[in-house]
Amino acid sequence: WITVQVADASQLRTAMSMESYDDPGTTSAKKLAQYVNAAVALNGDYFKYNYDKGYVMRQGVLYRDALDGTWDSLIIDDRGDFHDVPEATSESMAEALAALAAEGRKPVNVFTFGPVLVKDGQIVREEDEYPPEMHYPTLATQRIALLQLGELEYAVVEIDSDGGNGTGMNLGELARFILEIYPDCRMAYNLDGGGSTHLIVNGKQ
């Protein structure tokens, strides 16, 4: 795990493979991180794999609004703060965005993967409360989570495995582990795991 403090919210950025939403080509997190000269990088929600699902906003540009209530969404606003939309629908996302606008905030990046693991220092769901469609909640595997700890302070927690042979963590274990390391975590959001799990620091995995 790694803790990251930034000076300005604009330093928290996203990039997509092939530089185009319409190009389904993928690349490794390491190559993409090196290409954009990221100090710290991690894989995201793999939205090109699920072209018919989710809400995709990258650097303020909306690419897709196809929410069906299956997954939790994460909004990162222009002040660098995290906001969750549990089991998001297009209607609940619109309500969340309207609430942000009322506070003078703008969405910059929106992920649809999840689930949200921790909020305000508390585990969001008990281990048996994760719906089965939320990315293999009971499977011990490689995992990665993006956390907000405080104002412009973040962390990444990455869990390795030996290829899925019963090692790694399930979602409940990951949530508890995050609170062991960061007991005051504001929010922790699960991102794409398995073979796509990569934490890159200064160009190295």
C-alpha atoms as a PDB file:
ATOM      1  CA  TRP A   1       0.000   0.000   0.000  1.00  0.00           C
ATOM      2  CA  ILE A   2       1.026   3.565  -0.595  1.00  0.00           C
ATOM      3  CA  THR A   3      -0.180   6.931   0.709  1.00  0.00           C
ATOM      4  CA  VAL A   4      -0.236   9.885  -1.680  1.00  0.00           C
ATOM      5  CA  GLN A   5      -0.567  13.591  -0.882  1.00  0.00           C
ATOM      6  CA  VAL A   6      -1.144  16.005  -3.762  1.00  0.00           C
ATOM      7  CA  ALA A   7      -0.938  19.787  -3.807  1.00  0.00           C
ATOM      8  CA  ASP A   8      -3.914  20.308  -6.096  1.00  0.00           C
ATOM      9  CA  ALA A   9      -6.913  18.214  -7.121  1.00  0.00           C
ATOM     10  CA  SER A  10      -5.904  18.526 -10.784  1.00  0.00           C
ATOM     11  CA  GLN A  11      -3.013  16.144 -10.086  1.00  0.00           C
ATOM     12  CA  LEU A  12      -5.508  13.296  -9.645  1.00  0.00           C
ATOM     13  CA  ARG A  13      -6.002  12.285 -13.283  1.00  0.00           C
ATOM     14  CA  THR A  14      -7.164   9.457 -15.489  1.00  0.00           C
ATOM     15  CA  ALA A  15      -5.980   8.182 -18.853  1.00  0.00           C
ATOM     16  CA  MET A  16      -7.438   5.621 -21.215  1.00  0.00           C
ATOM     17  CA  SER A  17      -5.746   3.077 -23.435  1.00  0.00           C
ATOM     18  CA  MET A  18      -5.244   3.999 -27.088  1.00  0.00           C
ATOM     19  CA  GLU A  19      -6.236   7.615 -26.241  1.00  0.00           C
ATOM     20  CA  SER A  20      -9.745   6.973 -27.549  1.00  0.00           C
ATOM     21  CA  TYR A  21     -12.987   5.710 -26.036  1.00  0.00           C
ATOM     22  CA  ASP A  22     -13.983   4.206 -29.382  1.00  0.00           C
ATOM     23  CA  ASP A  23     -10.797   2.166 -29.766  1.00  0.00           C
ATOM     24  CA  PRO A  24     -11.274  -1.087 -27.808  1.00  0.00           C
ATOM     25  CA  GLY A  25      -7.542  -1.761 -27.668  1.00  0.00           C
ATOM     26  CA  THR A  26      -6.001  -2.199 -24.247  1.00  0.00           C
ATOM     27  CA  THR A  27      -2.540  -1.734 -22.812  1.00  0.00           C
ATOM     28  CA  SER A  28      -0.794  -2.574 -19.575  1.00  0.00           C
ATOM     29  CA  ALA A  29      -1.049  -0.255 -16.587  1.00  0.00           C
ATOM     30  CA  LYS A  30       2.742  -0.022 -16.529  1.00  0.00           C
ATOM     31  CA  LYS A  31       2.979   1.147 -20.148  1.00  0.00           C
ATOM     32  CA  LEU A  32       0.166   3.628 -19.701  1.00  0.00           C
ATOM     33  CA  ALA A  33       1.694   5.005 -16.490  1.00  0.00           C
ATOM     34  CA  GLN A  34       5.054   5.452 -18.197  1.00  0.00           C
ATOM     35  CA  TYR A  35       3.415   7.112 -21.196  1.00  0.00           C
ATOM     36  CA  VAL A  36       1.762   9.810 -19.060  1.00  0.00           C
ATOM     37  CA  ASN A  37       4.732  10.033 -16.649  1.00  0.00           C
ATOM     38  CA  ALA A  38       2.628   9.188 -13.578  1.00  0.00           C
ATOM     39  CA  ALA A  39       4.314   9.196 -10.175  1.00  0.00           C
ATOM     40  CA  VAL A  40       1.732   6.700  -8.873  1.00  0.00           C
ATOM     41  CA  ALA A  41      -0.787   4.839 -11.011  1.00  0.00           C
ATOM     42  CA  LEU A  42      -3.285   2.004 -10.735  1.00  0.00           C
ATOM     43  CA  ASN A  43      -5.691   0.206 -13.010  1.00  0.00           C
ATOM     44  CA  GLY A  44      -9.258   1.462 -13.184  1.00  0.00           C
ATOM     45  CA  ASP A  45     -12.690   0.018 -13.886  1.00  0.00           C
ATOM     46  CA  TYR A  46     -11.908  -1.590 -17.276  1.00  0.00           C
ATOM     47  CA  PHE A  47     -14.840   0.210 -18.895  1.00  0.00           C
ATOM     48  CA  LYS A  48     -13.841  -0.946 -22.381  1.00  0.00           C
ATOM     49  CA  TYR A  49     -14.570  -4.522 -21.354  1.00  0.00           C
ATOM     50  CA  ASN A  50     -18.162  -3.638 -20.461  1.00  0.00           C
ATOM     51  CA  TYR A  51     -19.185  -1.398 -23.337  1.00  0.00           C
ATOM     52  CA  ASP A  52     -22.892  -1.604 -22.534  1.00  0.00           C
ATOM     53  CA  LYS A  53     -22.787  -0.877 -18.814  1.00  0.00           C
ATOM     54  CA  GLY A  54     -21.945   1.811 -16.295  1.00  0.00           C
ATOM     55  CA  TYR A  55     -21.345   5.546 -16.124  1.00  0.00           C
ATOM     56  CA  VAL A  56     -18.038   6.647 -17.612  1.00  0.00           C
ATOM     57  CA  MET A  57     -16.637  10.146 -17.159  1.00  0.00           C
ATOM     58  CA  ARG A  58     -12.976  10.890 -17.706  1.00  0.00           C
ATOM     59  CA  GLN A  59     -11.442  14.301 -17.036  1.00  0.00           C
ATOM     60  CA  GLY A  60     -14.854  15.948 -17.190  1.00  0.00           C
ATOM     61  CA  VAL A  61     -15.962  14.294 -20.439  1.00  0.00           C
ATOM     62  CA  LEU A  62     -19.019  12.031 -20.265  1.00  0.00           C
ATOM     63  CA  TYR A  63     -18.669   8.953 -22.470  1.00  0.00           C
ATOM     64  CA  ARG A  64     -21.463   6.699 -21.228  1.00  0.00           C
ATOM     65  CA  ASP A  65     -24.592   6.732 -19.090  1.00  0.00           C
ATOM     66  CA  ALA A  66     -25.884   3.164 -18.919  1.00  0.00           C
ATOM     67  CA  LEU A  67     -26.473   2.440 -15.254  1.00  0.00           C
ATOM     68  CA  ASP A  68     -28.745  -0.406 -14.232  1.00  0.00           C
ATOM     69  CA  GLY A  69     -28.469  -0.537 -10.442  1.00  0.00           C
ATOM     70  CA  THR A  70     -25.964  -3.399 -10.379  1.00  0.00           C
ATOM     71  CA  TRP A  71     -22.749  -1.680  -9.291  1.00  0.00           C
ATOM     72  CA  ASP A  72     -21.632   1.141  -6.990  1.00  0.00           C
ATOM     73  CA  SER A  73     -20.316   4.244  -8.728  1.00  0.00           C
ATOM     74  CA  LEU A  74     -17.590   6.565  -7.471  1.00  0.00           C
ATOM     75  CA  ILE A  75     -17.578  10.277  -8.324  1.00  0.00           C
ATOM     76  CA  ILE A  76     -14.365  12.267  -7.889  1.00  0.00           C
ATOM     77  CA  ASP A  77     -15.104  15.991  -7.980  1.00  0.00           C
ATOM     78  CA  ASP A  78     -13.041  19.049  -8.907  1.00  0.00           C
ATOM     79  CA  ARG A  79     -11.884  19.444  -5.303  1.00  0.00           C
ATOM     80  CA  GLY A  80     -10.566  15.885  -5.261  1.00  0.00           C
ATOM     81  CA  ASP A  81     -13.274  14.551  -2.962  1.00  0.00           C
ATOM     82  CA  PHE A  82     -14.948  11.143  -3.324  1.00  0.00           C
ATOM     83  CA  HIS A  83     -18.717  10.605  -3.446  1.00  0.00           C
ATOM     84  CA  ASP A  84     -20.438   7.239  -3.683  1.00  0.00           C
ATOM     85  CA  VAL A  85     -23.617   6.306  -5.536  1.00  0.00           C
ATOM     86  CA  PRO A  86     -24.581   2.845  -4.217  1.00  0.00           C
ATOM     87  CA  GLU A  87     -26.004   0.399  -6.764  1.00  0.00           C
ATOM     88  CA  ALA A  88     -26.246   3.341  -9.116  1.00  0.00           C
ATOM     89  CA  THR A  89     -29.045   3.974 -11.571  1.00  0.00           C
ATOM     90  CA  SER A  90     -29.244   6.825 -14.061  1.00  0.00           C
ATOM     91  CA  GLU A  91     -31.776   8.473 -11.761  1.00  0.00           C
ATOM     92  CA  SER A  92     -29.672   8.175  -8.599  1.00  0.00           C
ATOM     93  CA  MET A  93     -26.589   9.386 -10.482  1.00  0.00           C
ATOM     94  CA  ALA A  94     -28.491  12.438 -11.717  1.00  0.00           C
ATOM     95  CA  GLU A  95     -29.560  13.172  -8.135  1.00  0.00           C
ATOM     96  CA  ALA A  96     -25.979  12.834  -6.874  1.00  0.00           C
ATOM     97  CA  LEU A  97     -24.646  15.134  -9.597  1.00  0.00           C
ATOM     98  CA  ALA A  98     -27.378  17.691  -8.890  1.00  0.00           C
ATOM     99  CA  ALA A  99     -26.413  17.663  -5.204  1.00  0.00           C
ATOM    100  CA  LEU A 100     -22.789  18.299  -6.153  1.00  0.00           C
ATOM    101  CA  ALA A 101     -23.787  21.156  -8.443  1.00  0.00           C
ATOM    102  CA  ALA A 102     -25.787  22.716  -5.609  1.00  0.00           C
ATOM    103  CA  GLU A 103     -22.542  22.823  -3.606  1.00  0.00           C
ATOM    104  CA  GLY A 104     -20.665  24.448  -6.490  1.00  0.00           C
ATOM    105  CA  ARG A 105     -18.776  21.261  -7.304  1.00  0.00           C
ATOM    106  CA  LYS A 106     -18.215  19.558 -10.649  1.00  0.00           C
ATOM    107  CA  PRO A 107     -17.622  15.856 -11.402  1.00  0.00           C
ATOM    108  CA  VAL A 108     -14.275  15.131 -13.042  1.00  0.00           C
ATOM    109  CA  ASN A 109     -14.021  11.336 -13.047  1.00  0.00           C
ATOM    110  CA  VAL A 110     -16.725   8.739 -12.478  1.00  0.00           C
ATOM    111  CA  PHE A 111     -16.019   5.019 -12.113  1.00  0.00           C
ATOM    112  CA  THR A 112     -18.576   2.223 -12.197  1.00  0.00           C
ATOM    113  CA  PHE A 113     -17.107  -0.920 -10.694  1.00  0.00           C
ATOM    114  CA  GLY A 114     -16.849  -1.113  -6.929  1.00  0.00           C
ATOM    115  CA  PRO A 115     -18.205  -1.874  -4.578  1.00  0.00           C
ATOM    116  CA  VAL A 116     -17.591   0.820  -2.005  1.00  0.00           C
ATOM    117  CA  LEU A 117     -15.826  -1.030   0.801  1.00  0.00           C
ATOM    118  CA  VAL A 118     -15.396   1.592   3.519  1.00  0.00           C
ATOM    119  CA  LYS A 119     -17.103   4.923   4.216  1.00  0.00           C
ATOM    120  CA  ASP A 120     -16.271   7.297   7.074  1.00  0.00           C
ATOM    121  CA  GLY A 121     -14.213   4.642   8.869  1.00  0.00           C
ATOM    122  CA  GLN A 122     -16.955   2.009   8.709  1.00  0.00           C
ATOM    123  CA  ILE A 123     -17.354  -1.129   6.610  1.00  0.00           C
ATOM    124  CA  VAL A 124     -20.245  -0.519   4.203  1.00  0.00           C
ATOM    125  CA  ARG A 125     -21.497  -4.105   3.855  1.00  0.00           C
ATOM    126  CA  GLU A 126     -21.003  -7.192   5.941  1.00  0.00           C
ATOM    127  CA  GLU A 127     -19.324 -10.074   4.170  1.00  0.00           C
ATOM    128  CA  ASP A 128     -22.598 -11.849   3.360  1.00  0.00           C
ATOM    129  CA  GLU A 129     -24.314  -8.652   2.148  1.00  0.00           C
ATOM    130  CA  TYR A 130     -22.397  -8.204  -1.102  1.00  0.00           C
ATOM    131  CA  PRO A 131     -24.633  -9.065  -4.077  1.00  0.00           C
ATOM    132  CA  PRO A 132     -23.010 -11.903  -6.073  1.00  0.00           C
ATOM    133  CA  GLU A 133     -22.794  -9.757  -9.209  1.00  0.00           C
ATOM    134  CA  MET A 134     -20.411  -7.352  -7.437  1.00  0.00           C
ATOM    135  CA  HIS A 135     -17.257  -8.845  -8.877  1.00  0.00           C
ATOM    136  CA  TYR A 136     -16.913 -12.206  -7.147  1.00  0.00           C
ATOM    137  CA  PRO A 137     -17.279 -10.909  -3.589  1.00  0.00           C
ATOM    138  CA  THR A 138     -16.387 -14.203  -1.879  1.00  0.00           C
ATOM    139  CA  LEU A 139     -13.448 -15.124  -4.131  1.00  0.00           C
ATOM    140  CA  ALA A 140      -9.940 -14.804  -2.700  1.00  0.00           C
ATOM    141  CA  THR A 141      -8.021 -13.138  -5.505  1.00  0.00           C
ATOM    142  CA  GLN A 142      -5.896 -10.157  -6.471  1.00  0.00           C
ATOM    143  CA  ARG A 143      -7.610  -6.894  -5.519  1.00  0.00           C
ATOM    144  CA  ILE A 144      -6.907  -3.185  -5.662  1.00  0.00           C
ATOM    145  CA  ALA A 145      -8.683  -0.310  -3.950  1.00  0.00           C
ATOM    146  CA  LEU A 146      -8.465   3.470  -4.219  1.00  0.00           C
ATOM    147  CA  LEU A 147      -8.944   5.368  -0.951  1.00  0.00           C
ATOM    148  CA  GLN A 148      -9.521   8.937   0.117  1.00  0.00           C
ATOM    149  CA  LEU A 149      -8.031   9.557   3.543  1.00  0.00           C
ATOM    150  CA  GLY A 150      -8.492  13.319   3.868  1.00  0.00           C
ATOM    151  CA  GLU A 151      -8.311  16.543   1.907  1.00  0.00           C
ATOM    152  CA  LEU A 152      -6.102  15.837  -1.130  1.00  0.00           C
ATOM    153  CA  GLU A 153      -4.766  12.721   0.628  1.00  0.00           C
ATOM    154  CA  TYR A 154      -5.259   9.280  -0.885  1.00  0.00           C
ATOM    155  CA  ALA A 155      -4.002   5.724  -0.704  1.00  0.00           C
ATOM    156  CA  VAL A 156      -3.867   2.621  -2.870  1.00  0.00           C
ATOM    157  CA  VAL A 157      -4.071  -0.854  -1.343  1.00  0.00           C
ATOM    158  CA  GLU A 158      -3.107  -3.729  -3.632  1.00  0.00           C
ATOM    159  CA  ILE A 159      -3.459  -7.428  -2.803  1.00  0.00           C
ATOM    160  CA  ASP A 160      -1.422 -10.010  -4.687  1.00  0.00           C
ATOM    161  CA  SER A 161      -2.146 -13.695  -5.235  1.00  0.00           C
ATOM    162  CA  ASP A 162      -0.462 -16.689  -6.794  1.00  0.00           C
ATOM    163  CA  GLY A 163      -2.801 -16.893  -9.749  1.00  0.00           C
ATOM    164  CA  GLY A 164      -6.091 -17.581  -8.018  1.00  0.00           C
ATOM    165  CA  ASN A 165      -5.187 -20.731  -6.069  1.00  0.00           C
ATOM    166  CA  GLY A 166      -7.049 -19.668  -2.973  1.00  0.00           C
ATOM    167  CA  THR A 167      -4.766 -16.780  -2.111  1.00  0.00           C
ATOM    168  CA  GLY A 168      -5.509 -13.084  -2.150  1.00  0.00           C
ATOM    169  CA  MET A 169      -8.562 -11.600  -0.432  1.00  0.00           C
ATOM    170  CA  ASN A 170     -12.305 -11.509  -0.863  1.00  0.00           C
ATOM    171  CA  LEU A 171     -14.140  -8.188  -0.576  1.00  0.00           C
ATOM    172  CA  GLY A 172     -14.931  -8.568   3.115  1.00  0.00           C
ATOM    173  CA  GLU A 173     -11.318  -9.359   3.955  1.00  0.00           C
ATOM    174  CA  LEU A 174     -10.116  -6.411   1.886  1.00  0.00           C
ATOM    175  CA  ALA A 175     -12.455  -4.006   3.685  1.00  0.00           C
ATOM    176  CA  ARG A 176     -11.235  -5.192   7.098  1.00  0.00           C
ATOM    177  CA  PHE A 177      -7.601  -5.024   6.005  1.00  0.00           C
ATOM    178  CA  ILE A 178      -8.032  -1.447   4.782  1.00  0.00           C
ATOM    179  CA  LEU A 179      -9.377  -0.392   8.176  1.00  0.00           C
ATOM    180  CA  GLU A 180      -6.426  -2.053   9.902  1.00  0.00           C
ATOM    181  CA  ILE A 181      -4.065   0.159   7.904  1.00  0.00           C
ATOM    182  CA  TYR A 182      -6.216   3.289   7.620  1.00  0.00           C
ATOM    183  CA  PRO A 183      -8.817   3.255  10.428  1.00  0.00           C
ATOM    184  CA  ASP A 184     -10.029   6.791   9.607  1.00  0.00           C
ATOM    185  CA  CYS A 185     -10.442   6.153   5.882  1.00  0.00           C
ATOM    186  CA  ARG A 186     -13.102   8.419   4.390  1.00  0.00           C
ATOM    187  CA  MET A 187     -13.860   6.097   1.494  1.00  0.00           C
ATOM    188  CA  ALA A 188     -12.368   2.988  -0.115  1.00  0.00           C
ATOM    189  CA  TYR A 189     -13.499   1.846  -3.552  1.00  0.00           C
ATOM    190  CA  ASN A 190     -12.709  -1.504  -5.140  1.00  0.00           C
ATOM    191  CA  LEU A 191     -11.385  -1.412  -8.720  1.00  0.00           C
ATOM    192  CA  ASP A 192     -10.667  -4.091 -11.321  1.00  0.00           C
ATOM    193  CA  GLY A 193      -8.843  -7.062  -9.815  1.00  0.00           C
ATOM    194  CA  GLY A 194      -7.494 -10.394 -10.973  1.00  0.00           C
ATOM    195  CA  GLY A 195      -4.829 -10.203 -13.656  1.00  0.00           C
ATOM    196  CA  SER A 196      -5.558  -6.502 -14.191  1.00  0.00           C
ATOM    197  CA  THR A 197      -4.349  -5.577 -10.702  1.00  0.00           C
ATOM    198  CA  HIS A 198      -1.404  -3.219 -10.982  1.00  0.00           C
ATOM    199  CA  LEU A 199       0.090  -0.601  -8.691  1.00  0.00           C
ATOM    200  CA  ILE A 200       2.802   1.415 -10.444  1.00  0.00           C
ATOM    201  CA  VAL A 201       5.187   3.677  -8.549  1.00  0.00           C
ATOM    202  CA  ASN A 202       7.735   5.755 -10.447  1.00  0.00           C
ATOM    203  CA  GLY A 203       7.253   3.598 -13.548  1.00  0.00           C
ATOM    204  CA  LYS A 204       7.758   0.266 -11.805  1.00  0.00           C
ATOM    205  CA  GLN A 205       5.165  -2.333 -10.809  1.00  0.00           C
END
